[in-house]
PDB file of N, CA and C in Angstrom:
ATOM      1  N   MET A   1     -11.716   2.930  -3.455  1.00  0.00           N
ATOM      2  CA  MET A   1     -10.821   2.111  -2.666  1.00  0.00           C
ATOM      3  C   MET A   1     -10.884   0.680  -3.194  1.00  0.00           C
ATOM      4  N   THR A   2      -9.752   0.019  -3.222  1.00  0.00           N
ATOM      5  CA  THR A   2      -9.703  -1.353  -3.703  1.00  0.00           C
ATOM      6  C   THR A   2      -9.282  -2.284  -2.578  1.00  0.00           C
ATOM      7  N   THR A   3      -9.538  -3.565  -2.762  1.00  0.00           N
ATOM      8  CA  THR A   3      -9.074  -4.561  -1.813  1.00  0.00           C
ATOM      9  C   THR A   3      -7.703  -5.020  -2.273  1.00  0.00           C
ATOM     10  N   ARG A   4      -6.761  -4.954  -1.379  1.00  0.00           N
ATOM     11  CA  ARG A   4      -5.392  -5.340  -1.718  1.00  0.00           C
ATOM     12  C   ARG A   4      -4.929  -6.453  -0.788  1.00  0.00           C
ATOM     13  N   ASP A   5      -3.912  -7.159  -1.216  1.00  0.00           N
ATOM     14  CA  ASP A   5      -3.273  -8.177  -0.399  1.00  0.00           C
ATOM     15  C   ASP A   5      -2.783  -7.519   0.891  1.00  0.00           C
ATOM     16  N   PRO A   6      -3.132  -8.062   2.063  1.00  0.00           N
ATOM     17  CA  PRO A   6      -2.688  -7.434   3.307  1.00  0.00           C
ATOM     18  C   PRO A   6      -1.172  -7.427   3.476  1.00  0.00           C
ATOM     19  N   MET A   7      -0.469  -8.219   2.696  1.00  0.00           N
ATOM     20  CA  MET A   7       0.991  -8.219   2.777  1.00  0.00           C
ATOM     21  C   MET A   7       1.616  -7.231   1.797  1.00  0.00           C
ATOM     22  N   GLN A   8       0.801  -6.433   1.126  1.00  0.00           N
ATOM     23  CA  GLN A   8       1.332  -5.327   0.334  1.00  0.00           C
ATOM     24  C   GLN A   8       1.363  -4.121   1.258  1.00  0.00           C
ATOM     25  N   GLY A   9       2.552  -3.557   1.429  1.00  0.00           N
ATOM     26  CA  GLY A   9       2.691  -2.411   2.305  1.00  0.00           C
ATOM     27  C   GLY A   9       1.990  -1.183   1.759  1.00  0.00           C
ATOM     28  N   VAL A  10       1.801  -0.203   2.622  1.00  0.00           N
ATOM     29  CA  VAL A  10       1.196   1.064   2.218  1.00  0.00           C
ATOM     30  C   VAL A  10       1.942   1.642   1.025  1.00  0.00           C
ATOM     31  N   CYS A  11       3.269   1.493   1.001  1.00  0.00           N
ATOM     32  CA  CYS A  11       4.099   2.050  -0.071  1.00  0.00           C
ATOM     33  C   CYS A  11       4.113   1.185  -1.321  1.00  0.00           C
ATOM     34  N   GLY A  12       3.548  -0.019  -1.238  1.00  0.00           N
ATOM     35  CA  GLY A  12       3.514  -0.911  -2.385  1.00  0.00           C
ATOM     36  C   GLY A  12       4.482  -2.074  -2.307  1.00  0.00           C
ATOM     37  N   LEU A  13       5.414  -2.016  -1.371  1.00  0.00           N
ATOM     38  CA  LEU A  13       6.364  -3.116  -1.238  1.00  0.00           C
ATOM     39  C   LEU A  13       5.658  -4.394  -0.799  1.00  0.00           C
ATOM     40  N   ASP A  14       6.227  -5.532  -1.172  1.00  0.00           N
ATOM     41  CA  ASP A  14       5.726  -6.835  -0.755  1.00  0.00           C
ATOM     42  C   ASP A  14       6.324  -7.140   0.610  1.00  0.00           C
ATOM     43  N   CYS A  15       5.532  -6.982   1.663  1.00  0.00           N
ATOM     44  CA  CYS A  15       6.038  -7.195   3.019  1.00  0.00           C
ATOM     45  C   CYS A  15       6.579  -8.614   3.200  1.00  0.00           C
ATOM     46  N   ALA A  16       5.988  -9.591   2.519  1.00  0.00           N
ATOM     47  CA  ALA A  16       6.430 -10.974   2.664  1.00  0.00           C
ATOM     48  C   ALA A  16       7.860 -11.178   2.173  1.00  0.00           C
ATOM     49  N   ALA A  17       8.367 -10.264   1.347  1.00  0.00           N
ATOM     50  CA  ALA A  17       9.743 -10.353   0.851  1.00  0.00           C
ATOM     51  C   ALA A  17      10.714  -9.522   1.692  1.00  0.00           C
ATOM     52  N   CYS A  18      10.202  -8.782   2.662  1.00  0.00           N
ATOM     53  CA  CYS A  18      11.010  -7.865   3.470  1.00  0.00           C
ATOM     54  C   CYS A  18      11.788  -8.623   4.547  1.00  0.00           C
ATOM     55  N   GLY A  19      13.028  -8.222   4.758  1.00  0.00           N
ATOM     56  CA  GLY A  19      13.863  -8.848   5.776  1.00  0.00           C
ATOM     57  C   GLY A  19      13.272  -8.752   7.169  1.00  0.00           C
ATOM     58  N   ALA A  20      12.652  -7.634   7.508  1.00  0.00           N
ATOM     59  CA  ALA A  20      12.067  -7.473   8.846  1.00  0.00           C
ATOM     60  C   ALA A  20      10.891  -8.427   9.043  1.00  0.00           C
ATOM     61  N   TYR A  21      10.080  -8.581   8.019  1.00  0.00           N
ATOM     62  CA  TYR A  21       8.953  -9.511   8.123  1.00  0.00           C
ATOM     63  C   TYR A  21       9.458 -10.952   8.215  1.00  0.00           C
ATOM     64  N   ARG A  22      10.375 -11.323   7.331  1.00  0.00           N
ATOM     65  CA  ARG A  22      10.875 -12.704   7.331  1.00  0.00           C
ATOM     66  C   ARG A  22      11.606 -13.037   8.631  1.00  0.00           C
ATOM     67  N   ALA A  23      12.364 -12.072   9.174  1.00  0.00           N
ATOM     68  CA  ALA A  23      13.065 -12.302  10.443  1.00  0.00           C
ATOM     69  C   ALA A  23      12.063 -12.516  11.574  1.00  0.00           C
ATOM     70  N   TRP A  24      10.994 -11.719  11.586  1.00  0.00           N
ATOM     71  CA  TRP A  24       9.952 -11.881  12.609  1.00  0.00           C
ATOM     72  C   TRP A  24       9.244 -13.221  12.433  1.00  0.00           C
ATOM     73  N   ARG A  25       8.812 -13.516  11.205  1.00  0.00           N
ATOM     74  CA  ARG A  25       8.056 -14.747  10.926  1.00  0.00           C
ATOM     75  C   ARG A  25       8.853 -15.997  11.295  1.00  0.00           C
ATOM     76  N   ASP A  26      10.143 -15.999  10.943  1.00  0.00           N
ATOM     77  CA  ASP A  26      10.980 -17.180  11.149  1.00  0.00           C
ATOM     78  C   ASP A  26      11.800 -17.115  12.431  1.00  0.00           C
ATOM     79  N   ASP A  27      11.662 -16.034  13.205  1.00  0.00           N
ATOM     80  CA  ASP A  27      12.464 -15.786  14.407  1.00  0.00           C
ATOM     81  C   ASP A  27      13.948 -16.032  14.105  1.00  0.00           C
ATOM     82  N   ASP A  28      14.444 -15.324  13.091  1.00  0.00           N
ATOM     83  CA  ASP A  28      15.788 -15.520  12.550  1.00  0.00           C
ATOM     84  C   ASP A  28      16.705 -14.362  12.963  1.00  0.00           C
ATOM     85  N   GLN A  29      17.498 -14.593  14.005  1.00  0.00           N
ATOM     86  CA  GLN A  29      18.369 -13.545  14.530  1.00  0.00           C
ATOM     87  C   GLN A  29      19.445 -13.133  13.523  1.00  0.00           C
ATOM     88  N   SER A  30      19.992 -14.068  12.776  1.00  0.00           N
ATOM     89  CA  SER A  30      21.031 -13.690  11.807  1.00  0.00           C
ATOM     90  C   SER A  30      20.444 -12.804  10.702  1.00  0.00           C
ATOM     91  N   LEU A  31      19.210 -13.047  10.300  1.00  0.00           N
ATOM     92  CA  LEU A  31      18.563 -12.191   9.303  1.00  0.00           C
ATOM     93  C   LEU A  31      18.276 -10.808   9.887  1.00  0.00           C
ATOM     94  N   ARG A  32      17.927 -10.737  11.177  1.00  0.00           N
ATOM     95  CA  ARG A  32      17.745  -9.434  11.830  1.00  0.00           C
ATOM     96  C   ARG A  32      19.041  -8.631  11.770  1.00  0.00           C
ATOM     97  N   GLU A  33      20.143  -9.281  12.102  1.00  0.00           N
ATOM     98  CA  GLU A  33      21.443  -8.604  12.106  1.00  0.00           C
ATOM     99  C   GLU A  33      21.829  -8.152  10.696  1.00  0.00           C
ATOM    100  N   GLN A  34      21.643  -9.023   9.723  1.00  0.00           N
ATOM    101  CA  GLN A  34      21.972  -8.698   8.330  1.00  0.00           C
ATOM    102  C   GLN A  34      21.110  -7.540   7.828  1.00  0.00           C
ATOM    103  N   THR A  35      19.811  -7.590   8.084  1.00  0.00           N
ATOM    104  CA  THR A  35      18.900  -6.537   7.628  1.00  0.00           C
ATOM    105  C   THR A  35      19.216  -5.216   8.310  1.00  0.00           C
ATOM    106  N   ALA A  36      19.509  -5.244   9.603  1.00  0.00           N
ATOM    107  CA  ALA A  36      19.866  -4.017  10.329  1.00  0.00           C
ATOM    108  C   ALA A  36      21.103  -3.375   9.713  1.00  0.00           C
ATOM    109  N   GLN A  37      22.083  -4.187   9.392  1.00  0.00           N
ATOM    110  CA  GLN A  37      23.311  -3.666   8.779  1.00  0.00           C
ATOM    111  C   GLN A  37      23.015  -3.074   7.396  1.00  0.00           C
ATOM    112  N   GLU A  38      22.270  -3.786   6.570  1.00  0.00           N
ATOM    113  CA  GLU A  38      21.932  -3.303   5.221  1.00  0.00           C
ATOM    114  C   GLU A  38      21.134  -2.007   5.282  1.00  0.00           C
ATOM    115  N   TRP A  39      20.131  -1.945   6.147  1.00  0.00           N
ATOM    116  CA  TRP A  39      19.288  -0.756   6.239  1.00  0.00           C
ATOM    117  C   TRP A  39      20.050   0.438   6.800  1.00  0.00           C
ATOM    118  N   SER A  40      20.975   0.181   7.718  1.00  0.00           N
ATOM    119  CA  SER A  40      21.778   1.280   8.271  1.00  0.00           C
ATOM    120  C   SER A  40      22.557   1.970   7.165  1.00  0.00           C
ATOM    121  N   VAL A  41      23.087   1.184   6.241  1.00  0.00           N
ATOM    122  CA  VAL A  41      23.822   1.741   5.103  1.00  0.00           C
ATOM    123  C   VAL A  41      22.851   2.389   4.113  1.00  0.00           C
ATOM    124  N   GLN A  42      21.802   1.671   3.740  1.00  0.00           N
ATOM    125  CA  GLN A  42      20.858   2.157   2.724  1.00  0.00           C
ATOM    126  C   GLN A  42      20.178   3.458   3.133  1.00  0.00           C
ATOM    127  N   PHE A  43      19.766   3.560   4.393  1.00  0.00           N
ATOM    128  CA  PHE A  43      18.982   4.714   4.829  1.00  0.00           C
ATOM    129  C   PHE A  43      19.790   5.743   5.609  1.00  0.00           C
ATOM    130  N   GLY A  44      21.077   5.454   5.853  1.00  0.00           N
ATOM    131  CA  GLY A  44      21.941   6.424   6.511  1.00  0.00           C
ATOM    132  C   GLY A  44      21.553   6.728   7.946  1.00  0.00           C
ATOM    133  N   THR A  45      20.934   5.783   8.599  1.00  0.00           N
ATOM    134  CA  THR A  45      20.569   5.933  10.011  1.00  0.00           C
ATOM    135  C   THR A  45      20.748   4.573  10.673  1.00  0.00           C
ATOM    136  N   PRO A  46      21.188   4.558  11.922  1.00  0.00           N
ATOM    137  CA  PRO A  46      21.465   3.259  12.541  1.00  0.00           C
ATOM    138  C   PRO A  46      20.201   2.450  12.850  1.00  0.00           C
ATOM    139  N   PHE A  47      20.237   1.191  12.470  1.00  0.00           N
ATOM    140  CA  PHE A  47      19.203   0.227  12.834  1.00  0.00           C
ATOM    141  C   PHE A  47      19.865  -0.840  13.688  1.00  0.00           C
ATOM    142  N   ALA A  48      19.202  -1.242  14.748  1.00  0.00           N
ATOM    143  CA  ALA A  48      19.677  -2.329  15.599  1.00  0.00           C
ATOM    144  C   ALA A  48      18.873  -3.585  15.268  1.00  0.00           C
ATOM    145  N   PRO A  49      19.451  -4.763  15.507  1.00  0.00           N
ATOM    146  CA  PRO A  49      18.708  -5.991  15.222  1.00  0.00           C
ATOM    147  C   PRO A  49      17.329  -6.034  15.885  1.00  0.00           C
ATOM    148  N   GLU A  50      17.209  -5.460  17.080  1.00  0.00           N
ATOM    149  CA  GLU A  50      15.902  -5.483  17.756  1.00  0.00           C
ATOM    150  C   GLU A  50      14.859  -4.604  17.057  1.00  0.00           C
ATOM    151  N   ASP A  51      15.298  -3.732  16.134  1.00  0.00           N
ATOM    152  CA  ASP A  51      14.369  -2.937  15.328  1.00  0.00           C
ATOM    153  C   ASP A  51      13.768  -3.755  14.182  1.00  0.00           C
ATOM    154  N   ILE A  52      14.355  -4.907  13.916  1.00  0.00           N
ATOM    155  CA  ILE A  52      14.014  -5.680  12.719  1.00  0.00           C
ATOM    156  C   ILE A  52      13.028  -6.792  13.073  1.00  0.00           C
ATOM    157  N   ASN A  53      11.798  -6.396  13.334  1.00  0.00           N
ATOM    158  CA  ASN A  53      10.676  -7.292  13.596  1.00  0.00           C
ATOM    159  C   ASN A  53       9.432  -6.583  13.104  1.00  0.00           C
ATOM    160  N   CYS A  54       8.713  -7.181  12.181  1.00  0.00           N
ATOM    161  CA  CYS A  54       7.511  -6.523  11.678  1.00  0.00           C
ATOM    162  C   CYS A  54       6.580  -7.572  11.074  1.00  0.00           C
ATOM    163  N   SER A  55       5.302  -7.479  11.421  1.00  0.00           N
ATOM    164  CA  SER A  55       4.317  -8.413  10.866  1.00  0.00           C
ATOM    165  C   SER A  55       3.621  -7.832   9.637  1.00  0.00           C
ATOM    166  N   GLY A  56       4.088  -6.666   9.179  1.00  0.00           N
ATOM    167  CA  GLY A  56       3.492  -5.988   8.028  1.00  0.00           C
ATOM    168  C   GLY A  56       2.790  -4.727   8.483  1.00  0.00           C
ATOM    169  N   CYS A  57       2.973  -3.641   7.754  1.00  0.00           N
ATOM    170  CA  CYS A  57       2.456  -2.346   8.214  1.00  0.00           C
ATOM    171  C   CYS A  57       0.942  -2.246   8.134  1.00  0.00           C
ATOM    172  N   ARG A  58       0.289  -3.159   7.405  1.00  0.00           N
ATOM    173  CA  ARG A  58      -1.171  -3.112   7.274  1.00  0.00           C
ATOM    174  C   ARG A  58      -1.848  -4.253   8.021  1.00  0.00           C
ATOM    175  N   THR A  59      -1.107  -4.965   8.841  1.00  0.00           N
ATOM    176  CA  THR A  59      -1.665  -6.061   9.622  1.00  0.00           C
ATOM    177  C   THR A  59      -1.611  -5.688  11.094  1.00  0.00           C
ATOM    178  N   SER A  60      -2.374  -6.395  11.910  1.00  0.00           N
ATOM    179  CA  SER A  60      -2.242  -6.194  13.348  1.00  0.00           C
ATOM    180  C   SER A  60      -1.020  -6.992  13.794  1.00  0.00           C
ATOM    181  N   GLY A  61      -0.405  -6.567  14.846  1.00  0.00           N
ATOM    182  CA  GLY A  61       0.765  -7.271  15.347  1.00  0.00           C
ATOM    183  C   GLY A  61       1.959  -6.355  15.466  1.00  0.00           C
ATOM    184  N   VAL A  62       3.114  -6.962  15.620  1.00  0.00           N
ATOM    185  CA  VAL A  62       4.357  -6.231  15.864  1.00  0.00           C
ATOM    186  C   VAL A  62       4.732  -5.384  14.650  1.00  0.00           C
ATOM    187  N   LYS A  63       5.254  -4.204  14.919  1.00  0.00           N
ATOM    188  CA  LYS A  63       5.689  -3.284  13.863  1.00  0.00           C
ATOM    189  C   LYS A  63       7.166  -2.985  14.034  1.00  0.00           C
ATOM    190  N   GLY A  64       7.859  -2.806  12.920  1.00  0.00           N
ATOM    191  CA  GLY A  64       9.274  -2.458  12.940  1.00  0.00           C
ATOM    192  C   GLY A  64       9.494  -1.070  13.515  1.00  0.00           C
ATOM    193  N   GLY A  65      10.732  -0.767  13.856  1.00  0.00           N
ATOM    194  CA  GLY A  65      11.075   0.500  14.484  1.00  0.00           C
ATOM    195  C   GLY A  65      10.656   1.723  13.697  1.00  0.00           C
ATOM    196  N   TYR A  66      10.622   1.634  12.374  1.00  0.00           N
ATOM    197  CA  TYR A  66      10.301   2.781  11.530  1.00  0.00           C
ATOM    198  C   TYR A  66       8.809   2.892  11.231  1.00  0.00           C
ATOM    199  N   THR A  67       8.075   1.816  11.380  1.00  0.00           N
ATOM    200  CA  THR A  67       6.692   1.756  10.912  1.00  0.00           C
ATOM    201  C   THR A  67       5.825   2.877  11.473  1.00  0.00           C
ATOM    202  N   ASP A  68       5.891   3.114  12.775  1.00  0.00           N
ATOM    203  CA  ASP A  68       5.052   4.155  13.371  1.00  0.00           C
ATOM    204  C   ASP A  68       5.429   5.546  12.890  1.00  0.00           C
ATOM    205  N   ALA A  69       6.684   5.732  12.475  1.00  0.00           N
ATOM    206  CA  ALA A  69       7.139   7.043  12.005  1.00  0.00           C
ATOM    207  C   ALA A  69       6.974   7.222  10.497  1.00  0.00           C
ATOM    208  N   CYS A  70       6.587   6.167   9.784  1.00  0.00           N
ATOM    209  CA  CYS A  70       6.502   6.237   8.323  1.00  0.00           C
ATOM    210  C   CYS A  70       5.451   7.261   7.897  1.00  0.00           C
ATOM    211  N   PRO A  71       5.857   8.306   7.187  1.00  0.00           N
ATOM    212  CA  PRO A  71       4.886   9.323   6.785  1.00  0.00           C
ATOM    213  C   PRO A  71       3.848   8.793   5.792  1.00  0.00           C
ATOM    214  N   LEU A  72       4.215   7.826   4.973  1.00  0.00           N
ATOM    215  CA  LEU A  72       3.252   7.264   4.021  1.00  0.00           C
ATOM    216  C   LEU A  72       2.160   6.497   4.756  1.00  0.00           C
ATOM    217  N   ARG A  73       2.555   5.702   5.726  1.00  0.00           N
ATOM    218  CA  ARG A  73       1.579   4.935   6.506  1.00  0.00           C
ATOM    219  C   ARG A  73       0.655   5.879   7.269  1.00  0.00           C
ATOM    220  N   GLY A  74       1.232   6.892   7.913  1.00  0.00           N
ATOM    221  CA  GLY A  74       0.421   7.857   8.655  1.00  0.00           C
ATOM    222  C   GLY A  74      -0.585   8.566   7.763  1.00  0.00           C
ATOM    223  N   CYS A  75      -0.159   8.949   6.580  1.00  0.00           N
ATOM    224  CA  CYS A  75      -1.035   9.630   5.628  1.00  0.00           C
ATOM    225  C   CYS A  75      -2.171   8.704   5.192  1.00  0.00           C
ATOM    226  N   ALA A  76      -1.841   7.461   4.863  1.00  0.00           N
ATOM    227  CA  ALA A  76      -2.869   6.507   4.425  1.00  0.00           C
ATOM    228  C   ALA A  76      -3.901   6.276   5.525  1.00  0.00           C
ATOM    229  N   ILE A  77      -3.446   6.181   6.762  1.00  0.00           N
ATOM    230  CA  ILE A  77      -4.370   5.993   7.884  1.00  0.00           C
ATOM    231  C   ILE A  77      -5.276   7.216   8.020  1.00  0.00           C
ATOM    232  N   ARG A  78      -4.694   8.413   7.969  1.00  0.00           N
ATOM    233  CA  ARG A  78      -5.492   9.644   8.086  1.00  0.00           C
ATOM    234  C   ARG A  78      -6.534   9.753   6.974  1.00  0.00           C
ATOM    235  N   ARG A  79      -6.163   9.330   5.773  1.00  0.00           N
ATOM    236  CA  ARG A  79      -7.068   9.442   4.621  1.00  0.00           C
ATOM    237  C   ARG A  79      -8.009   8.249   4.484  1.00  0.00           C
ATOM    238  N   GLY A  80      -7.794   7.223   5.282  1.00  0.00           N
ATOM    239  CA  GLY A  80      -8.641   6.040   5.200  1.00  0.00           C
ATOM    240  C   GLY A  80      -8.388   5.193   3.971  1.00  0.00           C
ATOM    241  N   GLU A  81      -7.164   5.245   3.456  1.00  0.00           N
ATOM    242  CA  GLU A  81      -6.797   4.468   2.265  1.00  0.00           C
ATOM    243  C   GLU A  81      -5.937   3.274   2.684  1.00  0.00           C
ATOM    244  N   PRO A  82      -6.147   2.099   2.080  1.00  0.00           N
ATOM    245  CA  PRO A  82      -5.306   0.957   2.434  1.00  0.00           C
ATOM    246  C   PRO A  82      -3.856   1.125   1.977  1.00  0.00           C
ATOM    247  N   THR A  83      -3.656   1.770   0.830  1.00  0.00           N
ATOM    248  CA  THR A  83      -2.302   1.982   0.312  1.00  0.00           C
ATOM    249  C   THR A  83      -2.235   3.329  -0.402  1.00  0.00           C
ATOM    250  N   CYS A  84      -1.037   3.764  -0.662  1.00  0.00           N
ATOM    251  CA  CYS A  84      -0.843   5.006  -1.428  1.00  0.00           C
ATOM    252  C   CYS A  84      -1.449   4.891  -2.820  1.00  0.00           C
ATOM    253  N   GLY A  85      -1.370   3.715  -3.414  1.00  0.00           N
ATOM    254  CA  GLY A  85      -1.894   3.510  -4.758  1.00  0.00           C
ATOM    255  C   GLY A  85      -3.400   3.679  -4.862  1.00  0.00           C
ATOM    256  N   ASP A  86      -4.095   3.646  -3.732  1.00  0.00           N
ATOM    257  CA  ASP A  86      -5.544   3.824  -3.718  1.00  0.00           C
ATOM    258  C   ASP A  86      -5.954   5.280  -3.552  1.00  0.00           C
ATOM    259  N   CYS A  87      -4.990   6.152  -3.309  1.00  0.00           N
ATOM    260  CA  CYS A  87      -5.269   7.557  -3.017  1.00  0.00           C
ATOM    261  C   CYS A  87      -5.438   8.362  -4.305  1.00  0.00           C
ATOM    262  N   GLY A  88      -6.418   9.229  -4.323  1.00  0.00           N
ATOM    263  CA  GLY A  88      -6.653  10.084  -5.480  1.00  0.00           C
ATOM    264  C   GLY A  88      -5.538  11.076  -5.743  1.00  0.00           C
ATOM    265  N   ASP A  89      -4.700  11.350  -4.747  1.00  0.00           N
ATOM    266  CA  ASP A  89      -3.584  12.286  -4.902  1.00  0.00           C
ATOM    267  C   ASP A  89      -2.259  11.584  -5.199  1.00  0.00           C
ATOM    268  N   PHE A  90      -2.299  10.288  -5.461  1.00  0.00           N
ATOM    269  CA  PHE A  90      -1.074   9.503  -5.654  1.00  0.00           C
ATOM    270  C   PHE A  90      -0.152  10.093  -6.719  1.00  0.00           C
ATOM    271  N   GLY A  91      -0.708  10.523  -7.830  1.00  0.00           N
ATOM    272  CA  GLY A  91       0.106  11.020  -8.938  1.00  0.00           C
ATOM    273  C   GLY A  91       0.856  12.299  -8.643  1.00  0.00           C
ATOM    274  N   ASP A  92       0.365  13.102  -7.718  1.00  0.00           N
ATOM    275  CA  ASP A  92       0.963  14.406  -7.437  1.00  0.00           C
ATOM    276  C   ASP A  92       1.299  14.544  -5.953  1.00  0.00           C
ATOM    277  N   CYS A  93       1.843  13.501  -5.360  1.00  0.00           N
ATOM    278  CA  CYS A  93       2.078  13.469  -3.917  1.00  0.00           C
ATOM    279  C   CYS A  93       3.537  13.780  -3.579  1.00  0.00           C
ATOM    280  N   ALA A  94       3.751  14.814  -2.782  1.00  0.00           N
ATOM    281  CA  ALA A  94       5.107  15.195  -2.376  1.00  0.00           C
ATOM    282  C   ALA A  94       5.731  14.122  -1.487  1.00  0.00           C
ATOM    283  N   SER A  95       4.943  13.493  -0.617  1.00  0.00           N
ATOM    284  CA  SER A  95       5.471  12.432   0.250  1.00  0.00           C
ATOM    285  C   SER A  95       5.942  11.252  -0.587  1.00  0.00           C
ATOM    286  N   ARG A  96       5.190  10.933  -1.625  1.00  0.00           N
ATOM    287  CA  ARG A  96       5.584   9.854  -2.537  1.00  0.00           C
ATOM    288  C   ARG A  96       6.913  10.189  -3.199  1.00  0.00           C
ATOM    289  N   ARG A  97       7.048  11.394  -3.732  1.00  0.00           N
ATOM    290  CA  ARG A  97       8.299  11.784  -4.410  1.00  0.00           C
ATOM    291  C   ARG A  97       9.485  11.734  -3.450  1.00  0.00           C
ATOM    292  N   GLU A  98       9.281  12.185  -2.230  1.00  0.00           N
ATOM    293  CA  GLU A  98      10.353  12.157  -1.232  1.00  0.00           C
ATOM    294  C   GLU A  98      10.749  10.719  -0.900  1.00  0.00           C
ATOM    295  N   PHE A  99       9.756   9.850  -0.715  1.00  0.00           N
ATOM    296  CA  PHE A  99      10.024   8.448  -0.419  1.00  0.00           C
ATOM    297  C   PHE A  99      10.765   7.785  -1.579  1.00  0.00           C
ATOM    298  N   GLU A 100      10.320   8.046  -2.801  1.00  0.00           N
ATOM    299  CA  GLU A 100      10.978   7.460  -3.973  1.00  0.00           C
ATOM    300  C   GLU A 100      12.422   7.939  -4.079  1.00  0.00           C
ATOM    301  N   ALA A 101      12.665   9.208  -3.801  1.00  0.00           N
ATOM    302  CA  ALA A 101      14.028   9.742  -3.878  1.00  0.00           C
ATOM    303  C   ALA A 101      14.923   9.085  -2.837  1.00  0.00           C
ATOM    304  N   GLN A 102      14.397   8.877  -1.630  1.00  0.00           N
ATOM    305  CA  GLN A 102      15.197   8.279  -0.562  1.00  0.00           C
ATOM    306  C   GLN A 102      15.416   6.785  -0.783  1.00  0.00           C
ATOM    307  N   SER A 103      14.371   6.092  -1.214  1.00  0.00           N
ATOM    308  CA  SER A 103      14.435   4.634  -1.302  1.00  0.00           C
ATOM    309  C   SER A 103      14.924   4.117  -2.649  1.00  0.00           C
ATOM    310  N   GLY A 104      14.802   4.938  -3.688  1.00  0.00           N
ATOM    311  CA  GLY A 104      15.146   4.474  -5.026  1.00  0.00           C
ATOM    312  C   GLY A 104      14.047   3.635  -5.663  1.00  0.00           C
ATOM    313  N   LEU A 105      12.892   3.554  -5.021  1.00  0.00           N
ATOM    314  CA  LEU A 105      11.777   2.762  -5.543  1.00  0.00           C
ATOM    315  C   LEU A 105      10.892   3.589  -6.458  1.00  0.00           C
ATOM    316  N   ASP A 106      10.241   2.916  -7.377  1.00  0.00           N
ATOM    317  CA  ASP A 106       9.245   3.538  -8.249  1.00  0.00           C
ATOM    318  C   ASP A 106       7.884   3.035  -7.786  1.00  0.00           C
ATOM    319  N   MET A 107       7.216   3.829  -6.961  1.00  0.00           N
ATOM    320  CA  MET A 107       5.934   3.396  -6.410  1.00  0.00           C
ATOM    321  C   MET A 107       4.886   3.198  -7.494  1.00  0.00           C
ATOM    322  N   GLY A 108       4.968   3.959  -8.574  1.00  0.00           N
ATOM    323  CA  GLY A 108       4.035   3.774  -9.675  1.00  0.00           C
ATOM    324  C   GLY A 108       4.117   2.362 -10.234  1.00  0.00           C
ATOM    325  N   ALA A 109       5.333   1.849 -10.363  1.00  0.00           N
ATOM    326  CA  ALA A 109       5.518   0.489 -10.863  1.00  0.00           C
ATOM    327  C   ALA A 109       5.015  -0.542  -9.855  1.00  0.00           C
ATOM    328  N   LEU A 110       5.173  -0.249  -8.558  1.00  0.00           N
ATOM    329  CA  LEU A 110       4.715  -1.192  -7.537  1.00  0.00           C
ATOM    330  C   LEU A 110       3.196  -1.338  -7.538  1.00  0.00           C
ATOM    331  N   PHE A 111       2.496  -0.281  -7.925  1.00  0.00           N
ATOM    332  CA  PHE A 111       1.039  -0.317  -7.946  1.00  0.00           C
ATOM    333  C   PHE A 111       0.459  -0.543  -9.335  1.00  0.00           C
ATOM    334  N   ALA A 112       1.303  -0.677 -10.349  1.00  0.00           N
ATOM    335  CA  ALA A 112       0.816  -0.906 -11.713  1.00  0.00           C
ATOM    336  C   ALA A 112       0.108  -2.257 -11.782  1.00  0.00           C
ATOM    337  N   PRO A 113      -0.977  -2.339 -12.541  1.00  0.00           N
ATOM    338  CA  PRO A 113      -1.660  -3.626 -12.693  1.00  0.00           C
ATOM    339  C   PRO A 113      -0.697  -4.666 -13.258  1.00  0.00           C
ATOM    340  N   LYS A 114      -0.764  -5.847 -12.711  1.00  0.00           N
ATOM    341  CA  LYS A 114       0.100  -6.938 -13.160  1.00  0.00           C
ATOM    342  C   LYS A 114      -0.497  -7.586 -14.405  1.00  0.00           C
ATOM    343  N   ALA A 115       0.366  -7.893 -15.361  1.00  0.00           N
ATOM    344  CA  ALA A 115      -0.078  -8.590 -16.572  1.00  0.00           C
ATOM    345  C   ALA A 115      -0.481 -10.012 -16.203  1.00  0.00           C
ATOM    346  N   ARG A 116      -1.540 -10.474 -16.796  1.00  0.00           N
ATOM    347  CA  ARG A 116      -1.996 -11.841 -16.534  1.00  0.00           C
ATOM    348  C   ARG A 116      -1.577 -12.732 -17.690  1.00  0.00           C
ATOM    349  N   PRO A 117      -1.130 -13.945 -17.352  1.00  0.00           N
ATOM    350  CA  PRO A 117      -0.700 -14.870 -18.420  1.00  0.00           C
ATOM    351  C   PRO A 117      -1.842 -15.312 -19.294  1.00  0.00           C
TER     352      PRO A 117
END
């Protein structure tokens, strides 16, 4: 297990760049509305502005409407891993493949070591 930035989500996303986190942090209603509209289209399920509040899936505090249902987060909690990238089954994970197919993200790239200048 490694120590990771608490603002890195279980899936590898940077929570600090997420619309739900920024809307919660800045109490920005227009960003909530914009993010709800974008996510409704992207994920094919309706999101309401009140769903768009999250302090980060690995922090204590408010969670977005999807956070408790996120299968990646639930799996990481059950396995005692801070993120999917810390899991020994990461390379051959069906939940990872399903998430990548739905989101269009490459979780391997999100967890790849960053080049240092």
